[in-house]
Amino acid sequence: MVRQQPSGSVVVTGAGSGIGLATVRLLLAAGRHVLAWDRDLAGLTGLDDRRLLAERLDVRDRAAMDGALAAAGGRFPPVAGLVACAAIFHRKPFLDLDEASWDAHFAVNLKGSLLACQAVLPGMRRRRAGSIVLMSSTLARTGSPTGAHYAATKGAILGLARSLSLEVAREGIRVNVVSPGLTDTPQPRGHGPEEELLARARKLPMGRMAQPQEIAEAALFLLGPESSFVTGQDLAVNGGLL
């Protein structure tokens, strides 16, 4: 179901694939203007829409974000929403986890979300309105063998979102988190054989993986007026995993 969405543009990071791409598609279907940011825009090539402005950038680069916002300023409505999906996950056993890998995951997954928030917040504050949705993960709570670095970044996302939500609540800005469970995106499919992935999915209460659109629907709910009194919350979309 496509919900009625408010006016204003939405920034989506990690927009070129997976949950980010699904979010872009749903936003366009709902009539929103979308600023889609990713290092690889190949997944967006089939989306020919005058309300889409795709920008190749790295979420670790605040100056690039500011430039993209400035370029969109005269063409698109003011930014009223952010969905920060950009993330990396390269599995490593704990004792093989080097500083470079640790730092890379924190730079993209956590710092990238921080910088995206800092880029859009000044405009939201001027208009005293906005909704920010950050992506954590079920693994922030359960942990992950060979994924301590990723789980740590996603746990930090929760602290970032809750702290920011308290800081900006009186300014009409809401900040929430979506925590997906196992989702059918390129990321988990790159971590092992297909049968192993399906076996993990069968162990979930609902017996299957989430589809990216199901996670994107949760993000749209948090962006829209239906969640107008919701802030500082973590919405788990994980097929019933407790």
Protein backbone atom coordinates (compact mmCIF):
# COMPACT_ATOMS: atom_id res chain seq x y z
CA MET A 1 0.00 0.00 0.00
CA VAL A 2 1.31 3.46 -0.93
CA ARG A 3 0.61 5.83 1.93
CA GLN A 4 -0.10 9.52 1.61
CA GLN A 5 3.23 11.23 2.19
CA PRO A 6 3.87 14.86 3.15
CA SER A 7 5.53 17.32 0.79
CA GLY A 8 9.26 17.91 0.82
CA SER A 9 12.22 15.99 -0.52
CA VAL A 10 13.74 12.91 1.10
CA VAL A 11 17.43 12.04 1.10
CA VAL A 12 18.18 8.31 0.84
CA THR A 13 21.75 7.11 1.37
CA GLY A 14 22.80 3.69 0.15
CA ALA A 15 20.15 4.23 -2.51
CA GLY A 16 21.69 2.09 -5.24
CA SER A 17 20.68 -1.35 -3.98
CA GLY A 18 18.80 -3.36 -1.38
CA ILE A 19 16.74 -1.52 1.21
CA GLY A 20 17.86 1.89 -0.01
CA LEU A 21 16.73 1.19 -3.57
CA ALA A 22 13.40 -0.21 -2.35
CA THR A 23 12.93 2.96 -0.29
CA VAL A 24 13.58 5.16 -3.32
CA ARG A 25 11.00 3.25 -5.35
CA LEU A 26 8.33 3.50 -2.67
CA LEU A 27 8.96 7.20 -2.14
CA LEU A 28 8.64 7.92 -5.85
CA ALA A 29 5.43 5.88 -5.99
CA ALA A 30 4.13 8.00 -3.11
CA GLY A 31 4.85 11.20 -5.03
CA ARG A 32 7.90 12.35 -3.06
CA HIS A 33 10.98 14.05 -4.49
CA VAL A 34 14.04 11.92 -3.75
CA LEU A 35 17.74 12.75 -3.48
CA ALA A 36 19.39 9.35 -3.94
CA TRP A 37 23.01 9.09 -2.79
CA ASP A 38 25.35 6.15 -3.31
CA ARG A 39 28.83 5.33 -4.53
CA ASP A 40 27.29 3.03 -7.17
CA LEU A 41 24.18 4.30 -8.96
CA ALA A 42 23.77 1.36 -11.37
CA GLY A 43 20.65 0.12 -9.58
CA LEU A 44 18.91 3.43 -10.21
CA THR A 45 19.40 3.51 -13.98
CA GLY A 46 15.94 2.13 -14.72
CA LEU A 47 14.20 4.79 -12.65
CA ASP A 48 13.37 7.60 -15.03
CA ASP A 49 11.53 10.10 -12.89
CA ARG A 50 11.74 13.89 -12.82
CA ARG A 51 11.36 13.69 -9.02
CA LEU A 52 14.57 11.69 -8.65
CA LEU A 53 18.00 13.30 -8.38
CA ALA A 54 20.75 10.69 -8.10
CA GLU A 55 24.18 11.74 -6.90
CA ARG A 56 27.30 9.57 -6.80
CA LEU A 57 28.92 10.29 -3.46
CA ASP A 58 30.56 8.69 -0.46
CA VAL A 59 28.72 9.10 2.85
CA ARG A 60 32.07 9.69 4.57
CA ASP A 61 32.38 12.96 2.63
CA ARG A 62 30.38 15.74 4.30
CA ALA A 63 31.44 18.31 1.71
CA ALA A 64 29.99 16.13 -1.06
CA MET A 65 26.68 15.93 0.83
CA ASP A 66 26.56 19.70 1.27
CA GLY A 67 27.27 20.12 -2.43
CA ALA A 68 24.51 17.71 -3.40
CA LEU A 69 22.01 19.53 -1.19
CA ALA A 70 23.03 22.89 -2.64
CA ALA A 71 22.67 21.57 -6.20
CA ALA A 72 19.18 20.29 -5.45
CA GLY A 73 18.11 23.46 -3.64
CA GLY A 74 16.88 25.34 -6.67
CA ARG A 75 15.20 22.35 -8.29
CA PHE A 76 13.60 20.29 -5.53
CA PRO A 77 11.47 21.12 -2.48
CA PRO A 78 13.33 21.54 0.83
CA VAL A 79 14.52 18.32 2.46
CA ALA A 80 11.94 17.06 4.95
CA GLY A 81 13.21 13.52 5.44
CA LEU A 82 16.30 11.33 5.60
CA VAL A 83 16.55 7.55 5.35
CA ALA A 84 20.16 6.53 6.01
CA CYS A 85 20.73 3.05 4.56
CA ALA A 86 24.39 3.16 3.53
CA ALA A 87 26.34 0.34 5.18
CA ILE A 88 29.01 -2.27 4.62
CA PHE A 89 29.43 -5.71 6.19
CA HIS A 90 32.50 -7.84 5.54
CA ARG A 91 32.60 -10.80 7.92
CA LYS A 92 35.78 -11.54 9.87
CA PRO A 93 36.50 -13.78 12.86
CA PHE A 94 37.17 -11.67 15.93
CA LEU A 95 40.91 -12.34 16.17
CA ASP A 96 41.32 -11.61 12.47
CA LEU A 97 39.54 -8.27 12.83
CA ASP A 98 42.16 -5.63 12.04
CA GLU A 99 41.93 -1.93 12.80
CA ALA A 100 41.47 -1.02 9.15
CA SER A 101 38.35 -3.16 8.84
CA TRP A 102 36.98 -1.92 12.17
CA ASP A 103 37.55 1.71 11.19
CA ALA A 104 36.06 1.22 7.71
CA HIS A 105 32.81 -0.19 9.13
CA PHE A 106 32.47 2.61 11.65
CA ALA A 107 33.30 5.22 9.00
CA VAL A 108 30.54 4.10 6.64
CA ASN A 109 27.89 2.68 8.96
CA LEU A 110 28.08 5.12 11.87
CA LYS A 111 29.98 8.20 10.72
CA GLY A 112 28.08 8.14 7.43
CA SER A 113 24.78 8.31 9.32
CA LEU A 114 26.14 11.06 11.58
CA LEU A 115 27.27 13.19 8.64
CA ALA A 116 24.00 12.70 6.76
CA CYS A 117 22.07 13.85 9.83
CA GLN A 118 24.32 16.87 10.22
CA ALA A 119 23.87 17.74 6.55
CA VAL A 120 20.05 17.79 6.59
CA LEU A 121 19.41 19.08 10.12
CA PRO A 122 20.10 22.81 9.58
CA GLY A 123 17.32 23.06 7.00
CA MET A 124 14.93 21.01 9.11
CA ARG A 125 15.63 23.27 12.08
CA ARG A 126 14.89 26.39 10.05
CA ARG A 127 11.54 24.91 9.01
CA ARG A 128 10.95 23.27 12.41
CA ALA A 129 9.90 20.05 10.74
CA GLY A 130 11.51 16.83 9.59
CA SER A 131 11.78 13.09 10.04
CA ILE A 132 15.01 11.09 10.17
CA VAL A 133 15.13 7.31 9.88
CA LEU A 134 18.39 5.47 10.59
CA MET A 135 19.02 1.79 9.87
CA SER A 136 20.26 -0.42 12.67
CA SER A 137 19.97 -4.22 12.65
CA THR A 138 18.66 -7.12 14.68
CA LEU A 139 22.34 -8.01 15.09
CA ALA A 140 22.78 -4.98 17.35
CA ARG A 141 20.89 -7.00 19.97
CA THR A 142 21.72 -10.61 19.11
CA GLY A 143 25.36 -10.17 18.14
CA SER A 144 26.90 -11.93 15.18
CA PRO A 145 29.67 -14.54 14.96
CA THR A 146 32.33 -13.06 12.66
CA GLY A 147 30.38 -9.80 12.71
CA ALA A 148 31.35 -8.03 15.94
CA HIS A 149 32.43 -4.91 14.05
CA TYR A 150 29.15 -4.65 12.13
CA ALA A 151 26.99 -5.35 15.20
CA ALA A 152 28.92 -2.71 17.14
CA THR A 153 28.21 -0.06 14.49
CA LYS A 154 24.53 -0.93 14.48
CA GLY A 155 24.32 -0.76 18.27
CA ALA A 156 25.92 2.67 18.11
CA ILE A 157 23.24 3.76 15.63
CA LEU A 158 20.64 3.19 18.35
CA GLY A 159 22.49 5.44 20.78
CA LEU A 160 22.98 8.10 18.12
CA ALA A 161 19.31 8.13 17.14
CA ARG A 162 17.95 8.18 20.67
CA SER A 163 20.28 10.98 21.73
CA LEU A 164 19.51 13.08 18.67
CA SER A 165 15.77 12.51 19.08
CA LEU A 166 15.93 14.05 22.56
CA GLU A 167 17.89 17.03 21.29
CA VAL A 168 15.57 18.00 18.44
CA ALA A 169 12.12 16.83 19.59
CA ARG A 170 11.00 20.34 20.61
CA GLU A 171 11.97 21.61 17.15
CA GLY A 172 9.44 19.47 15.31
CA ILE A 173 12.02 16.92 14.16
CA ARG A 174 11.56 13.21 14.77
CA VAL A 175 14.37 10.63 14.77
CA ASN A 176 13.68 6.90 14.67
CA VAL A 177 15.37 3.63 13.80
CA VAL A 178 14.39 0.61 11.73
CA SER A 179 16.15 -2.63 12.71
CA PRO A 180 15.80 -5.17 9.91
CA GLY A 181 16.28 -8.86 10.42
CA LEU A 182 17.52 -11.21 7.70
CA THR A 183 16.60 -9.49 4.44
CA ASP A 184 16.94 -10.64 0.84
CA THR A 185 19.56 -8.15 -0.32
CA PRO A 186 22.98 -8.56 -1.96
CA GLN A 187 24.69 -8.26 1.43
CA PRO A 188 23.65 -11.57 3.07
CA ARG A 189 23.79 -13.36 -0.27
CA GLY A 190 27.47 -12.57 -0.41
CA HIS A 191 28.18 -14.28 2.92
CA GLY A 192 27.70 -17.94 2.07
CA PRO A 193 25.92 -20.60 0.03
CA GLU A 194 22.27 -20.12 -0.91
CA GLU A 195 21.14 -23.17 1.05
CA GLU A 196 22.82 -21.90 4.20
CA LEU A 197 21.00 -18.58 3.82
CA LEU A 198 17.65 -20.31 3.30
CA ALA A 199 18.27 -22.54 6.32
CA ARG A 200 18.77 -19.44 8.47
CA ALA A 201 15.56 -17.99 7.10
CA ARG A 202 13.58 -21.15 7.90
CA LYS A 203 14.55 -20.81 11.57
CA LEU A 204 12.75 -17.48 11.85
CA PRO A 205 9.20 -17.56 13.29
CA MET A 206 7.81 -16.49 9.90
CA GLY A 207 10.04 -18.98 8.10
CA ARG A 208 11.44 -16.65 5.45
CA MET A 209 13.62 -13.63 4.79
CA ALA A 210 12.19 -10.13 4.60
CA GLN A 211 11.95 -8.50 1.21
CA PRO A 212 13.60 -5.06 0.91
CA GLN A 213 10.23 -3.44 0.24
CA GLU A 214 8.96 -4.65 3.62
CA ILE A 215 11.76 -2.78 5.36
CA ALA A 216 11.20 0.26 3.17
CA GLU A 217 7.51 0.28 4.14
CA ALA A 218 8.56 0.64 7.78
CA ALA A 219 10.77 3.59 6.85
CA LEU A 220 7.90 5.26 4.99
CA PHE A 221 5.66 4.82 8.01
CA LEU A 222 8.21 6.62 10.18
CA LEU A 223 8.57 9.39 7.61
CA GLY A 224 4.85 9.99 7.31
CA PRO A 225 2.09 11.61 9.36
CA GLU A 226 0.89 8.27 10.75
CA SER A 227 3.91 8.32 13.06
CA SER A 228 3.66 12.00 14.04
CA PHE A 229 3.97 11.22 17.79
CA VAL A 230 6.72 8.62 17.38
CA THR A 231 10.33 9.57 18.04
CA GLY A 232 13.38 7.94 19.61
CA GLN A 233 12.01 4.49 18.81
CA ASP A 234 13.48 1.34 17.29
CA LEU A 235 11.10 -0.52 14.97
CA ALA A 236 12.19 -4.15 14.60
CA VAL A 237 11.18 -5.71 11.27
CA ASN A 238 12.56 -9.20 11.66
CA GLY A 239 9.84 -11.79 11.13
CA GLY A 240 9.13 -12.32 14.82
CA LEU A 241 12.66 -12.87 16.13
CA LEU A 242 12.67 -11.98 19.84
